[in-house]
Amino acid sequence: MTTPQNHHATDWNTVVADNIRAEMARQRWSGRKLANRLGVQPTWVNRRASGATPLDPNDIALFADVLGVSIESLFGKQKTPPAGEGEGRNVRLEGLEPPTF
């Protein structure tokens, strides 16, 4: 029987794993390509991206960094730009334009 605390942990782990897989699909990355970029075995990526192995904070930070998305986006807290947008570009958010005098 799971405790409420474990149930919540499972919920966020599932959300993050789902968002990792979604971002991989958006960028058309295989588990092998992501594993290569992370310097790990493909099974390491597949077990975490499938939710079979719980993600820890370091895992989440690694996935976010290599996929070029924010940690918050993996938790579903903000929209992730389509692949290619925002990567190596000077991106301005609406409402944050420099003042004109």
C-alpha atoms as a PDB file:
ATOM      1  CA  MET A   1       0.000   0.000   0.000  1.00  0.00           C
ATOM      2  CA  THR A   2       1.415   3.394  -0.942  1.00  0.00           C
ATOM      3  CA  THR A   3       1.377   6.335   1.383  1.00  0.00           C
ATOM      4  CA  PRO A   4       0.011   9.690   0.184  1.00  0.00           C
ATOM      5  CA  GLN A   5       3.565  11.061   0.091  1.00  0.00           C
ATOM      6  CA  ASN A   6       4.705   8.256  -2.230  1.00  0.00           C
ATOM      7  CA  HIS A   7       1.627   8.753  -4.388  1.00  0.00           C
ATOM      8  CA  HIS A   8       2.567  12.407  -4.961  1.00  0.00           C
ATOM      9  CA  ALA A   9       6.148  11.429  -5.769  1.00  0.00           C
ATOM     10  CA  THR A  10       4.846   8.976  -8.370  1.00  0.00           C
ATOM     11  CA  ASP A  11       2.636  11.673  -9.868  1.00  0.00           C
ATOM     12  CA  TRP A  12       5.437  14.178 -10.462  1.00  0.00           C
ATOM     13  CA  ASN A  13       7.805  11.439 -11.652  1.00  0.00           C
ATOM     14  CA  THR A  14       5.241  10.352 -14.234  1.00  0.00           C
ATOM     15  CA  VAL A  15       4.657  13.941 -15.377  1.00  0.00           C
ATOM     16  CA  VAL A  16       8.387  14.592 -15.781  1.00  0.00           C
ATOM     17  CA  ALA A  17       9.000  11.270 -17.559  1.00  0.00           C
ATOM     18  CA  ASP A  18       6.085  11.982 -19.921  1.00  0.00           C
ATOM     19  CA  ASN A  19       7.463  15.454 -20.657  1.00  0.00           C
ATOM     20  CA  ILE A  20      10.959  14.086 -21.291  1.00  0.00           C
ATOM     21  CA  ARG A  21       9.517  11.643 -23.838  1.00  0.00           C
ATOM     22  CA  ALA A  22       7.400  14.401 -25.391  1.00  0.00           C
ATOM     23  CA  GLU A  23      10.437  16.663 -25.746  1.00  0.00           C
ATOM     24  CA  MET A  24      12.461  13.817 -27.244  1.00  0.00           C
ATOM     25  CA  ALA A  25       9.673  13.321 -29.802  1.00  0.00           C
ATOM     26  CA  ARG A  26       9.467  17.061 -30.579  1.00  0.00           C
ATOM     27  CA  GLN A  27      13.191  17.125 -31.265  1.00  0.00           C
ATOM     28  CA  ARG A  28      13.071  13.713 -32.982  1.00  0.00           C
ATOM     29  CA  TRP A  29      15.673  12.289 -30.624  1.00  0.00           C
ATOM     30  CA  SER A  30      15.950   8.584 -29.968  1.00  0.00           C
ATOM     31  CA  GLY A  31      16.834   7.208 -26.559  1.00  0.00           C
ATOM     32  CA  ARG A  32      20.200   6.248 -28.015  1.00  0.00           C
ATOM     33  CA  LYS A  33      20.915   9.800 -29.222  1.00  0.00           C
ATOM     34  CA  LEU A  34      19.949  11.280 -25.852  1.00  0.00           C
ATOM     35  CA  ALA A  35      22.040   8.661 -24.043  1.00  0.00           C
ATOM     36  CA  ASN A  36      25.008   9.539 -26.242  1.00  0.00           C
ATOM     37  CA  ARG A  37      24.629  13.242 -25.412  1.00  0.00           C
ATOM     38  CA  LEU A  38      24.292  12.454 -21.696  1.00  0.00           C
ATOM     39  CA  GLY A  39      27.227  10.035 -21.723  1.00  0.00           C
ATOM     40  CA  VAL A  40      25.152   7.150 -20.357  1.00  0.00           C
ATOM     41  CA  GLN A  41      23.795   3.833 -21.612  1.00  0.00           C
ATOM     42  CA  PRO A  42      20.505   3.865 -23.560  1.00  0.00           C
ATOM     43  CA  THR A  43      18.917   1.663 -20.891  1.00  0.00           C
ATOM     44  CA  TRP A  44      19.604   4.404 -18.306  1.00  0.00           C
ATOM     45  CA  VAL A  45      17.641   6.891 -20.422  1.00  0.00           C
ATOM     46  CA  ASN A  46      14.870   4.447 -21.282  1.00  0.00           C
ATOM     47  CA  ARG A  47      14.271   3.384 -17.671  1.00  0.00           C
ATOM     48  CA  ARG A  48      13.968   7.004 -16.508  1.00  0.00           C
ATOM     49  CA  ALA A  49      11.988   8.267 -19.507  1.00  0.00           C
ATOM     50  CA  SER A  50       9.536   5.383 -19.117  1.00  0.00           C
ATOM     51  CA  GLY A  51       9.102   5.983 -15.385  1.00  0.00           C
ATOM     52  CA  ALA A  52      10.511   2.535 -14.513  1.00  0.00           C
ATOM     53  CA  THR A  53      13.312   4.164 -12.487  1.00  0.00           C
ATOM     54  CA  PRO A  54      12.381   7.212 -10.405  1.00  0.00           C
ATOM     55  CA  LEU A  55      14.053  10.444 -11.465  1.00  0.00           C
ATOM     56  CA  ASP A  56      16.188  12.317  -8.959  1.00  0.00           C
ATOM     57  CA  PRO A  57      16.857  16.081  -9.121  1.00  0.00           C
ATOM     58  CA  ASN A  58      20.234  15.572 -10.816  1.00  0.00           C
ATOM     59  CA  ASP A  59      18.638  13.396 -13.521  1.00  0.00           C
ATOM     60  CA  ILE A  60      16.000  16.044 -14.206  1.00  0.00           C
ATOM     61  CA  ALA A  61      18.628  18.783 -14.450  1.00  0.00           C
ATOM     62  CA  LEU A  62      20.683  16.673 -16.883  1.00  0.00           C
ATOM     63  CA  PHE A  63      17.706  15.936 -19.116  1.00  0.00           C
ATOM     64  CA  ALA A  64      16.660  19.594 -19.134  1.00  0.00           C
ATOM     65  CA  ASP A  65      20.176  20.794 -19.961  1.00  0.00           C
ATOM     66  CA  VAL A  66      20.813  18.359 -22.792  1.00  0.00           C
ATOM     67  CA  LEU A  67      17.320  18.779 -24.272  1.00  0.00           C
ATOM     68  CA  GLY A  68      17.670  22.563 -24.068  1.00  0.00           C
ATOM     69  CA  VAL A  69      14.528  23.102 -21.991  1.00  0.00           C
ATOM     70  CA  SER A  70      13.885  24.445 -18.511  1.00  0.00           C
ATOM     71  CA  ILE A  71      13.419  22.213 -15.512  1.00  0.00           C
ATOM     72  CA  GLU A  72      10.057  23.901 -15.003  1.00  0.00           C
ATOM     73  CA  SER A  73       8.906  22.812 -18.464  1.00  0.00           C
ATOM     74  CA  LEU A  74       9.635  19.187 -17.580  1.00  0.00           C
ATOM     75  CA  PHE A  75       7.268  19.613 -14.636  1.00  0.00           C
ATOM     76  CA  GLY A  76       4.702  21.119 -17.004  1.00  0.00           C
ATOM     77  CA  LYS A  77       4.989  24.565 -15.419  1.00  0.00           C
ATOM     78  CA  GLN A  78       5.600  26.454 -18.670  1.00  0.00           C
ATOM     79  CA  LYS A  79       5.383  25.871 -22.367  1.00  0.00           C
ATOM     80  CA  THR A  80       8.446  24.483 -24.082  1.00  0.00           C
ATOM     81  CA  PRO A  81       9.318  26.267 -27.333  1.00  0.00           C
ATOM     82  CA  PRO A  82       9.267  24.084 -30.438  1.00  0.00           C
ATOM     83  CA  ALA A  83      12.573  22.437 -31.262  1.00  0.00           C
ATOM     84  CA  GLY A  84      15.056  24.926 -32.641  1.00  0.00           C
ATOM     85  CA  GLU A  85      13.381  27.971 -31.142  1.00  0.00           C
ATOM     86  CA  GLY A  86      15.365  29.559 -28.380  1.00  0.00           C
ATOM     87  CA  GLU A  87      18.432  27.431 -28.956  1.00  0.00           C
ATOM     88  CA  GLY A  88      21.394  29.743 -29.317  1.00  0.00           C
ATOM     89  CA  ARG A  89      19.188  32.681 -30.141  1.00  0.00           C
ATOM     90  CA  ASN A  90      18.478  35.950 -28.399  1.00  0.00           C
ATOM     91  CA  VAL A  91      14.890  35.283 -27.385  1.00  0.00           C
ATOM     92  CA  ARG A  92      12.730  38.029 -25.918  1.00  0.00           C
ATOM     93  CA  LEU A  93       9.647  37.338 -23.911  1.00  0.00           C
ATOM     94  CA  GLU A  94       6.627  39.503 -24.620  1.00  0.00           C
ATOM     95  CA  GLY A  95       6.520  42.473 -22.281  1.00  0.00           C
ATOM     96  CA  LEU A  96      10.258  42.424 -21.607  1.00  0.00           C
ATOM     97  CA  GLU A  97      11.342  44.582 -24.510  1.00  0.00           C
ATOM     98  CA  PRO A  98      13.924  47.257 -23.689  1.00  0.00           C
ATOM     99  CA  PRO A  99      12.463  50.698 -23.141  1.00  0.00           C
ATOM    100  CA  THR A 100      12.574  53.165 -26.005  1.00  0.00           C
ATOM    101  CA  PHE A 101      13.170  56.823 -25.244  1.00  0.00           C
END
